[in-house]
Amino acid sequence: MNASNPSTPQDRLRQWWASPPRTGLQRIISPWEYRHLRLSAGLRIGGAIALTTLGVITLGFGGGTGKAVAWSLVFLLPAMANLVFARWELSIAGSAAA
């Protein structure tokens, strides 16, 4: 049997997920996203800007009520997570380019 031709769907998925080769925590990034790090980081930053805008609008129109603060956090926490992840992807892209 040919070793380069995976026989089971799990082997094909494992082979697909391993390309391009990555180490450590970089393995949690999907292969397509890893090949287009700057694009995906830019999309994450754009999404974070949109979520931040929604959070600020919610807070502005809702006043200082607890419900408005809770809803603004629903938008602002994922925005912060997107920015952190985008920064990580940009640092990976910068180190790979060097």
C-alpha atoms as a PDB file:
ATOM      1  CA  MET A   1       0.000   0.000   0.000  1.00  0.00           C
ATOM      2  CA  ASN A   2       1.242   3.478  -0.834  1.00  0.00           C
ATOM      3  CA  ALA A   3       2.175   5.416   2.321  1.00  0.00           C
ATOM      4  CA  SER A   4       1.652   8.832   0.724  1.00  0.00           C
ATOM      5  CA  ASN A   5      -2.005   8.057  -0.068  1.00  0.00           C
ATOM      6  CA  PRO A   6      -3.979   8.121   3.200  1.00  0.00           C
ATOM      7  CA  SER A   7      -6.606   5.418   3.383  1.00  0.00           C
ATOM      8  CA  THR A   8      -9.020   6.756   5.994  1.00  0.00           C
ATOM      9  CA  PRO A   9     -10.806  10.108   6.186  1.00  0.00           C
ATOM     10  CA  GLN A  10      -9.074  10.794   9.514  1.00  0.00           C
ATOM     11  CA  ASP A  11      -5.663  10.399   7.866  1.00  0.00           C
ATOM     12  CA  ARG A  12      -6.642  12.759   5.043  1.00  0.00           C
ATOM     13  CA  LEU A  13      -7.893  15.335   7.556  1.00  0.00           C
ATOM     14  CA  ARG A  14      -4.717  15.005   9.631  1.00  0.00           C
ATOM     15  CA  GLN A  15      -2.576  15.447   6.517  1.00  0.00           C
ATOM     16  CA  TRP A  16      -4.612  18.489   5.393  1.00  0.00           C
ATOM     17  CA  TRP A  17      -4.455  20.081   8.838  1.00  0.00           C
ATOM     18  CA  ALA A  18      -0.671  19.583   9.021  1.00  0.00           C
ATOM     19  CA  SER A  19      -0.001  21.580   5.857  1.00  0.00           C
ATOM     20  CA  PRO A  20       1.695  24.029   6.022  1.00  0.00           C
ATOM     21  CA  PRO A  21       3.822  22.707   8.878  1.00  0.00           C
ATOM     22  CA  ARG A  22       3.301  24.669  12.105  1.00  0.00           C
ATOM     23  CA  THR A  23       4.522  24.301  15.655  1.00  0.00           C
ATOM     24  CA  GLY A  24       3.031  24.817  19.089  1.00  0.00           C
ATOM     25  CA  LEU A  25      -0.032  26.998  19.462  1.00  0.00           C
ATOM     26  CA  GLN A  26       0.065  27.905  15.777  1.00  0.00           C
ATOM     27  CA  ARG A  27      -1.653  24.564  15.135  1.00  0.00           C
ATOM     28  CA  ILE A  28      -4.968  25.978  16.367  1.00  0.00           C
ATOM     29  CA  ILE A  29      -5.045  28.319  13.350  1.00  0.00           C
ATOM     30  CA  SER A  30      -6.738  26.696  10.359  1.00  0.00           C
ATOM     31  CA  PRO A  31      -4.447  26.005   7.380  1.00  0.00           C
ATOM     32  CA  TRP A  32      -6.225  28.454   5.060  1.00  0.00           C
ATOM     33  CA  GLU A  33      -6.052  31.183   7.681  1.00  0.00           C
ATOM     34  CA  TYR A  34      -2.384  30.391   8.364  1.00  0.00           C
ATOM     35  CA  ARG A  35      -1.567  30.825   4.678  1.00  0.00           C
ATOM     36  CA  HIS A  36      -3.373  34.210   4.649  1.00  0.00           C
ATOM     37  CA  LEU A  37      -2.418  35.609   8.053  1.00  0.00           C
ATOM     38  CA  ARG A  38      -2.433  39.289   7.144  1.00  0.00           C
ATOM     39  CA  LEU A  39      -5.823  39.058   5.430  1.00  0.00           C
ATOM     40  CA  SER A  40      -7.438  37.207   8.313  1.00  0.00           C
ATOM     41  CA  ALA A  41      -5.882  39.609  10.835  1.00  0.00           C
ATOM     42  CA  GLY A  42      -7.262  42.538   8.848  1.00  0.00           C
ATOM     43  CA  LEU A  43     -10.715  40.967   8.809  1.00  0.00           C
ATOM     44  CA  ARG A  44     -10.508  40.399  12.567  1.00  0.00           C
ATOM     45  CA  ILE A  45      -9.532  44.037  13.114  1.00  0.00           C
ATOM     46  CA  GLY A  46     -12.449  45.159  10.936  1.00  0.00           C
ATOM     47  CA  GLY A  47     -14.813  42.971  12.936  1.00  0.00           C
ATOM     48  CA  ALA A  48     -13.405  44.350  16.178  1.00  0.00           C
ATOM     49  CA  ILE A  49     -14.019  47.905  14.982  1.00  0.00           C
ATOM     50  CA  ALA A  50     -17.626  47.019  14.095  1.00  0.00           C
ATOM     51  CA  LEU A  51     -18.190  45.319  17.468  1.00  0.00           C
ATOM     52  CA  THR A  52     -16.636  48.242  19.335  1.00  0.00           C
ATOM     53  CA  THR A  53     -18.901  50.654  17.466  1.00  0.00           C
ATOM     54  CA  LEU A  54     -21.942  48.581  18.427  1.00  0.00           C
ATOM     55  CA  GLY A  55     -20.806  48.469  22.050  1.00  0.00           C
ATOM     56  CA  VAL A  56     -20.293  52.222  22.235  1.00  0.00           C
ATOM     57  CA  ILE A  57     -23.648  52.915  20.570  1.00  0.00           C
ATOM     58  CA  THR A  58     -25.365  50.524  22.979  1.00  0.00           C
ATOM     59  CA  LEU A  59     -23.721  52.198  25.930  1.00  0.00           C
ATOM     60  CA  GLY A  60     -24.482  55.679  24.603  1.00  0.00           C
ATOM     61  CA  PHE A  61     -28.172  55.114  23.961  1.00  0.00           C
ATOM     62  CA  GLY A  62     -28.732  52.852  26.956  1.00  0.00           C
ATOM     63  CA  GLY A  63     -27.244  55.217  29.490  1.00  0.00           C
ATOM     64  CA  GLY A  64     -25.557  53.873  32.564  1.00  0.00           C
ATOM     65  CA  THR A  65     -28.105  51.163  33.294  1.00  0.00           C
ATOM     66  CA  GLY A  66     -26.907  47.703  34.161  1.00  0.00           C
ATOM     67  CA  LYS A  67     -28.685  46.189  31.194  1.00  0.00           C
ATOM     68  CA  ALA A  68     -26.966  48.560  28.754  1.00  0.00           C
ATOM     69  CA  VAL A  69     -23.582  47.861  30.314  1.00  0.00           C
ATOM     70  CA  ALA A  70     -24.181  44.106  30.070  1.00  0.00           C
ATOM     71  CA  TRP A  71     -25.175  44.371  26.398  1.00  0.00           C
ATOM     72  CA  SER A  72     -22.201  46.567  25.609  1.00  0.00           C
ATOM     73  CA  LEU A  73     -19.935  43.947  27.179  1.00  0.00           C
ATOM     74  CA  VAL A  74     -21.508  41.373  24.862  1.00  0.00           C
ATOM     75  CA  PHE A  75     -20.036  43.420  22.005  1.00  0.00           C
ATOM     76  CA  LEU A  76     -16.838  44.710  23.595  1.00  0.00           C
ATOM     77  CA  LEU A  77     -15.414  41.436  24.939  1.00  0.00           C
ATOM     78  CA  PRO A  78     -15.422  39.651  21.549  1.00  0.00           C
ATOM     79  CA  ALA A  79     -13.968  42.830  20.019  1.00  0.00           C
ATOM     80  CA  MET A  80     -11.088  42.678  22.470  1.00  0.00           C
ATOM     81  CA  ALA A  81     -10.580  38.965  21.762  1.00  0.00           C
ATOM     82  CA  ASN A  82     -10.513  39.675  18.022  1.00  0.00           C
ATOM     83  CA  LEU A  83      -7.890  42.378  18.489  1.00  0.00           C
ATOM     84  CA  VAL A  84      -5.698  40.138  20.637  1.00  0.00           C
ATOM     85  CA  PHE A  85      -5.931  37.269  18.145  1.00  0.00           C
ATOM     86  CA  ALA A  86      -5.246  39.609  15.209  1.00  0.00           C
ATOM     87  CA  ARG A  87      -2.166  40.955  16.973  1.00  0.00           C
ATOM     88  CA  TRP A  88      -0.951  37.394  17.510  1.00  0.00           C
ATOM     89  CA  GLU A  89      -1.497  36.553  13.829  1.00  0.00           C
ATOM     90  CA  LEU A  90       0.357  39.678  12.741  1.00  0.00           C
ATOM     91  CA  SER A  91       3.283  38.796  14.996  1.00  0.00           C
ATOM     92  CA  ILE A  92       3.404  35.314  13.444  1.00  0.00           C
ATOM     93  CA  ALA A  93       3.286  36.838   9.950  1.00  0.00           C
ATOM     94  CA  GLY A  94       6.063  39.280  10.851  1.00  0.00           C
ATOM     95  CA  SER A  95       8.330  36.580  12.238  1.00  0.00           C
ATOM     96  CA  ALA A  96       7.711  34.320   9.226  1.00  0.00           C
ATOM     97  CA  ALA A  97       8.597  37.131   6.805  1.00  0.00           C
ATOM     98  CA  ALA A  98      11.935  37.713   8.514  1.00  0.00           C
END
